[in-house]
Protein backbone atom coordinates (compact mmCIF):
# COMPACT_ATOMS: atom_id res chain seq x y z
CA MET A 1 -25.55 11.58 -34.40
CA ASN A 2 -24.26 14.85 -32.94
CA PHE A 3 -25.38 14.81 -29.29
CA CYS A 4 -26.64 18.40 -29.33
CA LYS A 5 -28.80 17.78 -32.40
CA TYR A 6 -30.12 14.64 -30.70
CA LEU A 7 -31.12 16.59 -27.56
CA LEU A 8 -32.70 19.54 -29.39
CA LYS A 9 -34.56 17.53 -32.01
CA GLY A 10 -38.17 18.75 -32.12
CA LYS A 11 -37.46 21.77 -29.89
CA LYS A 12 -37.23 24.47 -32.59
CA LYS A 13 -40.85 25.58 -32.12
CA LEU A 14 -41.41 24.35 -28.55
CA ASP A 15 -42.88 27.31 -26.69
CA LYS A 16 -42.22 25.96 -23.22
CA LYS A 17 -40.01 27.33 -20.47
CA VAL A 18 -36.67 25.63 -19.91
CA PHE A 19 -36.65 27.02 -16.35
CA VAL A 20 -39.93 27.48 -14.51
CA ASN A 21 -38.71 30.68 -12.83
CA GLN A 22 -37.08 32.24 -15.93
CA ASN A 23 -38.41 33.30 -19.32
CA TYR A 24 -36.15 31.26 -21.61
CA THR A 25 -38.14 28.88 -23.81
CA TYR A 26 -36.97 25.80 -25.70
CA SER A 27 -37.45 27.63 -28.99
CA GLN A 28 -35.19 30.42 -27.73
CA LEU A 29 -32.68 27.85 -26.51
CA PHE A 30 -32.67 26.33 -30.00
CA GLU A 31 -32.05 29.74 -31.61
CA ASP A 32 -29.35 30.75 -29.13
CA VAL A 33 -27.49 27.48 -29.65
CA GLN A 34 -27.63 27.90 -33.44
CA SER A 35 -26.33 31.47 -33.13
CA LEU A 36 -23.39 30.62 -30.87
CA THR A 37 -22.64 27.51 -32.93
CA LYS A 38 -21.95 29.73 -35.97
CA SER A 39 -19.40 31.73 -33.97
CA LEU A 40 -17.68 28.61 -32.66
CA LYS A 41 -17.48 26.82 -36.01
CA VAL A 42 -14.45 28.93 -36.92
CA PHE A 43 -12.54 26.78 -34.43
CA ASP A 44 -11.77 23.44 -36.00
CA ARG A 45 -12.02 20.55 -33.51
CA GLN A 46 -10.66 22.56 -30.60
CA ILE A 47 -10.95 21.72 -26.90
CA ILE A 48 -13.08 24.56 -25.52
CA GLY A 49 -13.33 24.85 -21.77
CA ILE A 50 -16.33 26.10 -19.80
CA SER A 51 -16.90 26.74 -16.10
CA PHE A 52 -20.24 28.18 -14.99
CA GLU A 53 -22.66 28.08 -12.14
CA ASN A 54 -25.86 26.15 -12.96
CA SER A 55 -27.39 28.52 -15.48
CA TYR A 56 -28.80 29.11 -18.94
CA SER A 57 -25.29 30.15 -20.01
CA PHE A 58 -23.89 26.76 -19.05
CA ILE A 59 -26.45 24.94 -21.21
CA ILE A 60 -25.95 27.30 -24.17
CA PHE A 61 -22.18 26.89 -24.23
CA TYR A 62 -22.23 23.18 -23.45
CA LEU A 63 -24.59 22.44 -26.33
CA SER A 64 -23.09 24.94 -28.79
CA ILE A 65 -19.54 23.64 -28.40
CA ILE A 66 -20.69 20.09 -29.15
CA ASN A 67 -22.97 21.28 -31.95
CA SER A 68 -20.08 23.14 -33.61
CA ASN A 69 -18.10 19.87 -33.74
CA ASN A 70 -15.65 21.11 -31.12
CA ILE A 71 -14.97 19.39 -27.79
CA ALA A 72 -16.50 20.69 -24.56
CA LEU A 73 -14.21 20.39 -21.55
CA ILE A 74 -16.15 21.10 -18.37
CA ILE A 75 -14.36 22.36 -15.27
CA GLU A 76 -16.20 22.55 -11.97
CA LYS A 77 -16.69 25.80 -10.12
CA GLY A 78 -14.86 26.61 -6.92
CA LEU A 79 -11.36 25.48 -7.85
CA PRO A 80 -8.37 27.60 -6.81
CA THR A 81 -7.27 29.91 -9.62
CA GLN A 82 -3.98 28.08 -9.95
CA LYS A 83 -5.85 24.79 -10.53
CA TYR A 84 -7.77 26.29 -13.45
CA PHE A 85 -4.50 27.52 -14.90
CA GLU A 86 -2.88 24.08 -14.54
CA LEU A 87 -5.81 22.29 -16.18
CA LEU A 88 -6.02 24.71 -19.10
CA ASN A 89 -2.33 24.26 -19.86
CA LYS A 90 -2.11 20.54 -19.17
CA TYR A 91 -5.00 19.73 -21.51
CA LYS A 92 -4.15 22.32 -24.19
CA VAL A 93 -7.35 24.35 -23.82
CA ASN A 94 -7.16 27.24 -26.27
CA LEU A 95 -10.48 28.89 -25.47
CA PHE A 96 -12.18 29.13 -22.08
CA PHE A 97 -15.56 30.64 -21.21
CA THR A 98 -16.38 31.31 -17.58
CA ASP A 99 -18.38 33.39 -15.13
CA SER A 100 -15.58 33.10 -12.54
CA LYS A 101 -13.78 36.18 -11.27
CA PHE A 102 -10.14 35.61 -12.14
CA ASP A 103 -7.29 38.00 -11.55
CA LYS A 104 -6.05 39.14 -14.94
CA LEU A 105 -2.45 38.77 -13.76
CA ASP A 106 -2.94 35.03 -13.37
CA PHE A 107 -3.51 34.58 -17.09
CA GLN A 108 -1.87 37.42 -19.00
CA LYS A 109 1.25 35.41 -19.91
CA ASP A 110 -0.70 32.79 -21.84
CA TYR A 111 -4.13 34.24 -22.58
CA LYS A 112 -5.85 37.28 -23.92
CA ILE A 113 -8.73 38.17 -21.64
CA SER A 114 -11.78 40.02 -22.80
CA LYS A 115 -15.02 40.99 -21.14
CA SER A 116 -18.13 39.61 -22.77
CA GLU A 117 -21.43 41.28 -23.46
CA GLU A 118 -23.28 38.01 -23.01
CA ASN A 119 -24.19 36.14 -19.83
CA PHE A 120 -20.63 35.18 -18.98
CA SER A 121 -17.92 37.43 -17.64
CA LYS A 122 -14.72 36.47 -19.41
CA ILE A 123 -13.32 34.79 -22.50
CA LEU A 124 -9.79 33.52 -22.05
CA ARG A 125 -8.15 32.96 -25.39
CA ARG A 126 -4.65 31.54 -25.69
CA ASN A 127 -2.20 33.95 -27.34
CA LYS A 128 -0.75 31.14 -29.41
CA PHE A 129 -3.05 28.21 -30.08
CA LYS A 130 -1.69 24.77 -29.25
CA LYS A 131 -2.32 22.16 -31.91
CA ILE A 132 -4.28 19.04 -31.07
CA ASP A 133 -4.24 15.65 -32.76
CA LYS A 134 -7.62 15.47 -34.53
CA LYS A 135 -7.24 11.76 -35.15
CA TYR A 136 -6.73 11.17 -31.43
CA PHE A 137 -9.97 13.03 -30.65
CA LYS A 138 -12.04 11.34 -33.35
CA ASN A 139 -15.73 11.26 -32.31
CA VAL A 140 -14.98 12.84 -28.89
CA SER A 141 -17.49 15.54 -27.96
CA LEU A 142 -17.12 15.93 -24.20
CA ILE A 143 -14.41 15.77 -21.53
CA LEU A 144 -15.35 15.45 -17.87
CA PHE A 145 -12.99 15.26 -14.93
CA THR A 146 -12.85 12.65 -12.20
CA SER A 147 -10.29 12.02 -9.46
CA GLY A 148 -7.89 9.10 -9.65
CA SER A 149 -6.06 7.03 -7.07
CA THR A 150 -3.41 9.74 -6.72
CA GLY A 151 -6.03 12.43 -6.26
CA GLU A 152 -5.10 14.19 -9.49
CA LYS A 153 -7.83 14.88 -12.02
CA LYS A 154 -8.29 12.54 -14.97
CA GLY A 155 -9.94 13.71 -18.16
CA VAL A 156 -12.64 11.29 -19.31
CA MET A 157 -13.22 11.39 -23.07
CA LEU A 158 -16.83 10.74 -24.07
CA THR A 159 -18.16 10.44 -27.61
CA ASN A 160 -21.47 11.45 -29.14
CA LYS A 161 -22.40 7.76 -29.23
CA ASN A 162 -21.58 7.33 -25.52
CA LEU A 163 -23.86 10.21 -24.55
CA VAL A 164 -26.76 9.31 -26.85
CA PHE A 165 -26.66 5.68 -25.76
CA ASN A 166 -26.60 6.42 -22.03
CA THR A 167 -29.36 9.03 -22.30
CA ASN A 168 -31.60 6.55 -24.14
CA SER A 169 -30.86 3.83 -21.57
CA ILE A 170 -31.76 6.11 -18.64
CA LEU A 171 -35.01 7.16 -20.30
CA LYS A 172 -36.03 3.49 -20.49
CA ILE A 173 -35.49 3.07 -16.73
CA LEU A 174 -36.68 6.31 -15.13
CA PRO A 175 -40.28 7.55 -15.64
CA ILE A 176 -39.14 10.91 -17.04
CA LYS A 177 -41.91 12.88 -18.76
CA LYS A 178 -42.21 16.07 -20.75
CA LYS A 179 -44.48 17.54 -18.06
CA ASP A 180 -41.82 17.04 -15.37
CA ILE A 181 -40.34 19.90 -13.36
CA VAL A 182 -37.01 18.77 -11.95
CA ASN A 183 -35.45 20.51 -8.97
CA LEU A 184 -31.78 20.55 -9.97
CA VAL A 185 -29.60 20.58 -6.86
CA LEU A 186 -26.49 18.95 -8.33
CA PRO A 187 -23.91 20.93 -10.35
CA MET A 188 -24.15 20.58 -14.12
CA SER A 189 -20.36 20.17 -14.16
CA TYR A 190 -20.75 16.94 -12.17
CA SER A 191 -21.38 13.85 -14.34
CA PHE A 192 -24.56 12.85 -12.47
CA GLY A 193 -25.90 16.40 -12.60
CA LEU A 194 -25.10 16.68 -16.31
CA SER A 195 -26.87 13.42 -17.12
CA ILE A 196 -29.97 14.79 -15.37
CA VAL A 197 -29.80 17.82 -17.66
CA ASN A 198 -29.32 15.60 -20.71
CA THR A 199 -32.25 13.29 -20.04
CA HIS A 200 -34.71 16.04 -19.16
CA LEU A 201 -33.64 18.26 -22.08
CA LYS A 202 -34.24 15.32 -24.39
CA VAL A 203 -37.88 14.91 -23.35
CA GLY A 204 -38.48 18.66 -22.98
CA SER A 205 -38.97 18.89 -19.21
CA SER A 206 -38.60 22.11 -17.23
CA PHE A 207 -36.00 22.81 -14.54
CA LEU A 208 -35.84 24.72 -11.32
CA LEU A 209 -32.24 25.72 -10.67
CA HIS A 210 -31.40 25.38 -7.00
CA ASN A 211 -28.50 27.76 -6.42
CA SER A 212 -28.86 28.20 -2.66
CA PRO A 213 -26.03 26.91 -0.43
CA PHE A 214 -28.73 25.49 1.85
CA VAL A 215 -30.04 22.13 0.62
CA GLY A 216 -33.02 22.42 2.96
CA SER A 217 -34.52 25.20 0.82
CA VAL A 218 -35.52 22.56 -1.75
CA ILE A 219 -38.49 21.72 0.49
CA ASN A 220 -40.17 25.05 -0.20
CA GLU A 221 -38.99 25.00 -3.83
CA ILE A 222 -40.60 21.63 -4.48
CA GLN A 223 -43.87 22.87 -3.01
CA ASP A 224 -43.85 26.39 -4.48
CA TYR A 225 -42.96 25.30 -8.03
CA ASN A 226 -44.78 21.93 -8.07
CA CYS A 227 -41.60 19.98 -8.79
CA THR A 228 -42.30 16.42 -9.90
CA CYS A 229 -38.88 14.82 -9.47
CA PHE A 230 -35.74 15.23 -7.43
CA TYR A 231 -32.21 13.78 -7.60
CA GLY A 232 -29.47 13.68 -5.01
CA VAL A 233 -26.22 12.17 -3.83
CA PRO A 234 -26.06 10.51 -0.37
CA SER A 235 -25.24 13.76 1.45
CA THR A 236 -28.28 15.46 -0.14
CA PHE A 237 -30.71 13.03 1.47
CA GLN A 238 -28.74 12.74 4.72
CA ILE A 239 -28.93 16.49 5.26
CA LEU A 240 -32.62 16.66 4.36
CA ILE A 241 -33.51 13.81 6.72
CA ASP A 242 -31.21 14.72 9.62
CA ARG A 243 -31.47 18.49 9.63
CA THR A 244 -34.86 19.41 8.16
CA ASN A 245 -38.51 18.36 8.35
CA PHE A 246 -38.31 16.85 4.84
CA LEU A 247 -40.00 13.58 5.85
CA LYS A 248 -42.89 15.40 7.50
CA LYS A 249 -43.79 17.50 4.50
CA LYS A 250 -46.35 16.50 1.89
CA PHE A 251 -45.11 16.41 -1.68
CA LYS A 252 -48.22 15.68 -3.71
CA ASN A 253 -46.58 16.24 -7.09
CA ILE A 254 -43.42 14.14 -6.67
CA ASN A 255 -43.51 11.23 -9.12
CA PHE A 256 -40.03 9.88 -8.45
CA LEU A 257 -36.70 10.44 -6.73
CA ALA A 258 -33.31 9.09 -7.81
CA GLN A 259 -30.12 8.67 -5.78
CA ALA A 260 -26.60 8.01 -7.06
CA GLY A 261 -23.06 9.28 -6.46
CA GLY A 262 -22.11 6.79 -3.75
CA GLU A 263 -23.70 4.48 -1.22
CA LEU A 264 -26.58 5.82 0.85
CA SER A 265 -26.98 3.75 3.99
CA SER A 266 -29.97 1.45 4.33
CA PHE A 267 -31.15 3.55 7.29
CA TYR A 268 -31.88 6.51 5.01
CA LYS A 269 -33.14 4.44 2.08
CA LYS A 270 -35.71 2.76 4.34
CA LYS A 271 -37.01 6.13 5.49
CA LEU A 272 -37.24 7.41 1.93
CA GLY A 273 -38.85 4.15 0.81
CA VAL A 274 -41.60 4.56 3.39
CA LYS A 275 -42.14 8.24 2.66
CA PHE A 276 -42.06 7.84 -1.13
CA LYS A 277 -43.48 4.38 -1.69
CA ASN A 278 -42.32 2.82 -4.98
CA LYS A 279 -40.78 6.13 -6.06
CA LEU A 280 -37.10 5.92 -5.05
CA TYR A 281 -34.69 4.75 -7.77
CA VAL A 282 -31.21 3.84 -6.51
CA MET A 283 -28.62 4.13 -9.26
CA TYR A 284 -24.93 3.35 -9.69
CA GLY A 285 -22.49 4.74 -12.19
CA ALA A 286 -19.12 6.25 -13.06
CA THR A 287 -18.04 9.30 -15.02
CA GLU A 288 -16.28 6.87 -17.37
CA ALA A 289 -19.70 5.37 -18.19
CA SER A 290 -21.43 8.61 -19.29
CA PRO A 291 -22.27 8.05 -16.29
CA ARG A 292 -25.06 5.66 -15.21
CA LEU A 293 -24.70 1.88 -15.19
CA SER A 294 -27.35 0.21 -13.05
CA CYS A 295 -30.61 0.80 -11.27
CA LEU A 296 -32.56 -0.74 -8.41
CA ASN A 297 -36.27 -0.55 -9.18
CA PRO A 298 -38.32 1.02 -6.34
CA LYS A 299 -40.47 -2.11 -6.08
CA MET A 300 -37.36 -4.09 -5.09
CA LEU A 301 -36.03 -1.53 -2.61
CA HIS A 302 -37.33 -3.35 0.49
CA LYS A 303 -36.05 -6.79 -0.57
CA LYS A 304 -32.70 -5.68 -2.04
CA ILE A 305 -32.06 -2.46 -0.11
CA SER A 306 -28.24 -2.69 -0.14
CA SER A 307 -28.06 -3.58 -3.84
CA ILE A 308 -27.15 -1.31 -6.77
CA GLY A 309 -29.69 -3.26 -8.80
CA LYS A 310 -29.13 -4.64 -12.27
CA PRO A 311 -27.39 -3.15 -15.34
CA ILE A 312 -29.50 -0.72 -17.34
CA ASN A 313 -30.37 -1.44 -20.96
CA GLY A 314 -27.33 -2.18 -23.13
CA VAL A 315 -24.86 -2.40 -20.24
CA LYS A 316 -23.13 -5.64 -19.24
CA PHE A 317 -21.53 -6.44 -15.86
CA LYS A 318 -18.79 -9.00 -15.25
CA LEU A 319 -16.94 -9.91 -12.06
CA PHE A 320 -13.17 -10.32 -12.42
CA LYS A 321 -11.50 -12.39 -9.72
CA LEU A 322 -8.68 -10.53 -7.98
CA ARG A 323 -5.38 -12.35 -7.74
CA ASN A 324 -4.67 -13.92 -4.34
CA SER A 325 -8.02 -12.72 -3.03
CA LYS A 326 -11.52 -14.00 -2.38
CA TYR A 327 -12.92 -10.77 -3.88
CA SER A 328 -13.86 -9.78 -7.42
CA GLU A 329 -13.72 -6.41 -9.17
CA LEU A 330 -16.70 -5.16 -11.15
CA GLY A 331 -16.09 -4.73 -14.87
CA VAL A 332 -18.63 -3.01 -17.15
CA SER A 333 -19.11 -2.77 -20.89
CA GLY A 334 -21.47 -1.07 -23.29
CA LYS A 335 -21.69 1.70 -25.87
CA ASN A 336 -21.74 4.22 -23.02
CA ILE A 337 -18.18 3.44 -21.88
CA MET A 338 -15.59 6.18 -22.47
CA LYS A 339 -13.08 6.26 -25.29
CA GLY A 340 -10.30 6.65 -22.73
CA TYR A 341 -8.45 9.02 -20.40
CA LEU A 342 -7.20 12.22 -21.97
CA TYR A 343 -3.50 12.00 -22.89
CA ASP A 344 -3.03 8.89 -20.72
CA LYS A 345 -2.90 5.74 -22.83
CA LYS A 346 -1.08 3.79 -20.12
CA LEU A 347 -3.84 4.39 -17.58
CA THR A 348 -6.52 3.73 -20.20
CA ASP A 349 -5.00 0.36 -21.12
CA LYS A 350 -4.59 -0.54 -17.45
CA THR A 351 -8.25 0.26 -16.74
CA PHE A 352 -9.67 -2.07 -19.40
CA LYS A 353 -9.69 -5.87 -19.39
CA ASN A 354 -11.21 -7.92 -22.21
CA ASN A 355 -13.07 -4.78 -23.38
CA TYR A 356 -14.55 -4.26 -19.90
CA TYR A 357 -13.89 -1.06 -17.97
CA LEU A 358 -12.68 -1.96 -14.47
CA THR A 359 -14.57 0.23 -12.02
CA GLY A 360 -12.26 -0.22 -9.02
CA ASP A 361 -15.26 -1.41 -7.00
CA ILE A 362 -15.23 -4.78 -5.26
CA ALA A 363 -18.61 -6.38 -5.93
CA THR A 364 -20.69 -9.51 -5.70
CA LYS A 365 -23.87 -10.82 -7.34
CA ASP A 366 -26.73 -12.77 -5.76
CA LYS A 367 -28.68 -15.67 -7.27
CA SER A 368 -31.32 -13.30 -8.62
CA GLY A 369 -28.78 -11.28 -10.59
CA PHE A 370 -28.66 -8.26 -8.27
CA TYR A 371 -25.25 -6.65 -7.72
CA TYR A 372 -23.75 -5.33 -4.49
CA ILE A 373 -20.75 -3.06 -3.96
CA LEU A 374 -18.66 -4.23 -1.01
CA LYS A 375 -15.83 -1.68 -0.98
CA ARG A 376 -13.25 0.12 -3.12
CA LYS A 377 -10.20 -1.64 -4.47
CA ASP A 378 -8.16 1.52 -3.85
CA LYS A 379 -8.37 4.11 -1.07
CA ILE A 380 -10.61 6.53 -2.94
CA LEU A 381 -13.51 7.83 -0.87
CA LYS A 382 -16.58 9.80 -1.88
CA ARG A 383 -17.63 13.07 -0.28
CA PHE A 384 -20.69 14.95 -1.50
CA GLY A 385 -20.68 12.59 -4.51
CA TYR A 386 -17.11 13.50 -5.53
CA LYS A 387 -14.13 11.18 -5.35
CA ILE A 388 -11.40 12.30 -2.96
CA GLN A 389 -8.03 10.87 -1.98
CA THR A 390 -7.27 11.75 1.64
CA ALA A 391 -3.72 10.37 1.41
CA MET A 392 -2.94 12.86 -1.38
CA ILE A 393 -4.28 15.77 0.70
CA GLU A 394 -2.20 14.65 3.69
CA LYS A 395 0.89 14.33 1.51
CA LYS A 396 0.61 17.90 0.25
CA ILE A 397 -0.02 19.30 3.72
CA ASN A 398 3.02 17.43 5.01
CA GLN A 399 5.13 19.40 2.54
CA LEU A 400 4.53 22.61 4.50
CA ASN A 401 7.78 23.37 6.30
CA PHE A 402 6.20 23.64 9.75
CA VAL A 403 4.19 20.40 9.51
CA LYS A 404 5.62 17.19 10.95
CA LYS A 405 2.64 14.96 10.22
CA SER A 406 -1.04 15.18 9.31
CA LYS A 407 -4.02 12.89 9.39
CA ILE A 408 -7.50 13.19 7.86
CA LYS A 409 -10.63 11.46 9.11
CA LEU A 410 -13.78 11.36 6.97
CA PHE A 411 -17.00 10.56 8.81
CA LYS A 412 -20.21 9.07 7.41
CA ASP A 413 -22.01 12.41 7.57
CA ASN A 414 -19.31 13.90 5.25
CA ARG A 415 -17.63 15.80 8.07
CA MET A 416 -13.90 15.84 7.49
CA ILE A 417 -11.38 16.64 10.22
CA LEU A 418 -7.74 17.46 9.61
CA LYS A 419 -5.30 16.94 12.44
CA VAL A 420 -1.94 18.64 11.99
CA TYR A 421 1.09 17.95 14.17
CA VAL A 422 3.72 20.71 14.49
CA GLU A 423 6.79 21.32 16.62
CA ASN A 424 5.91 24.89 17.49
CA ASP A 425 2.36 26.18 17.40
CA SER A 426 1.47 29.83 16.73
CA ASN A 427 -1.59 31.95 16.13
CA PHE A 428 -0.80 32.18 12.41
CA LEU A 429 -0.55 28.47 11.57
CA ARG A 430 -4.28 27.80 11.33
CA GLN A 431 -4.76 30.65 8.87
CA GLU A 432 -1.72 29.55 6.87
CA ILE A 433 -3.09 26.00 6.60
CA ASN A 434 -6.51 27.36 5.63
CA ASP A 435 -4.99 29.54 2.91
CA PHE A 436 -2.96 26.61 1.62
CA LEU A 437 -6.03 24.36 1.43
CA ARG A 438 -8.11 26.94 -0.43
CA SER A 439 -5.28 27.61 -2.87
CA ASN A 440 -4.71 23.96 -3.71
CA PHE A 441 -7.91 21.98 -3.30
CA SER A 442 -11.54 21.90 -4.39
CA SER A 443 -14.23 22.89 -1.93
CA TYR A 444 -15.25 19.27 -1.33
CA GLU A 445 -11.64 18.39 -0.39
CA ILE A 446 -11.40 21.04 2.33
CA PRO A 447 -11.93 19.79 5.93
CA ASN A 448 -14.66 21.13 8.19
CA GLN A 449 -12.25 21.45 11.10
CA ILE A 450 -8.50 21.79 11.61
CA ILE A 451 -6.95 20.56 14.85
CA ILE A 452 -3.36 21.59 15.59
CA GLU A 453 -1.34 19.59 18.12
CA LYS A 454 2.28 19.47 19.18
CA PHE A 455 4.31 16.66 17.66
CA ASP A 456 5.58 14.06 20.12
CA ASN A 457 6.06 10.83 18.11
CA GLN A 458 2.64 9.51 19.06
CA ILE A 459 0.47 7.23 16.92
CA PHE A 460 -1.49 9.32 14.43
CA ASN A 461 -5.02 7.99 14.64
CA LEU A 462 -8.11 10.11 15.03
CA LYS A 463 -10.93 8.93 17.19
CA GLU A 464 -14.51 9.57 16.15
């Protein structure tokens, strides 16, 4: 089944708001998707890119591209302009819709740029369309990006079946209802955020789009709009607990919370477990899995607080012993697992073993069948729910002609400090490093603080 048709089934006459603070209804959403689908059907199995803030426009284009039998490639907001350009060319994107403010000069060689009268600002259309192999993209409906061990972005190809299967599995685990109002903090371009949109669209819930840079404002939003559920990555809950009065507030309407996107320490989970008794679902997943894989039921939180729980419906886990090691890597299988990495057969083949996707996570299982993540097999870290590779960032900074050495330290509260060693310091170096970072990295890869020191062959370790 086409994933868009699956999500919008029964919504044609649903006179209910999609967003509690906006006037768009599900019936209007259905009509708008049908209308844009007709326009996009002229493109035959093309990769169509989108990059929007959380908005009605994002949902319209996301659903319409899939509904028109094209392939939606979602690019996060906040990337340097050059990064967008590289991704569009590397993955042969012929059409790109965005609300970003790009300099026309950056694209005029390859794209025609036109202003739109709709809710997005620009359409970038390649002057000469690049052909794609339709057989290669058979059944693919969505491409999401995730970072690899080198730090470069990998395109994850997901099929209609992957998305339908994972959405159904999540709905059997989480108590999602049609009457729910979900406070959406996470970006729709992020796999966890997108799966929240998918599951709640399917049942016909309403959303409150949180577009404030201050996470703490969700406290008033939850109360003012009677939100019934809330999702977050570790940093979401850490900020709310450490920097706001979140735990002191009364949330009478909250039916459940869910956390994924990395390990939240037991310290915070205990506090949430006490505040929201039997309401916190701890989940584990990967973009390659559409994305959710396991869940720890709230009733088991106290007994198995450091566990990722058990596989959700239709997902199988298997531990693969690592050579010359006492550890095992977690492999996963199911109809939700990706078709492969875009244009990278070698990496795809390397990532699968006996039809199990190898997650890169070192794991163990207890006698009751609960799984635990011990550490990463590689040096990938997670910051704000996103994978980052600090070694790759250091390597690029070291290429600056005035840099002798650099070192990055990532702390548990997501603070990231960059220490740069130079032979001759000046007042302009800090700004030059800042400009370089913002031109080459995503917002979640940029350090909070830059320390510049004179190079003297010392050991490059940062102290907390």
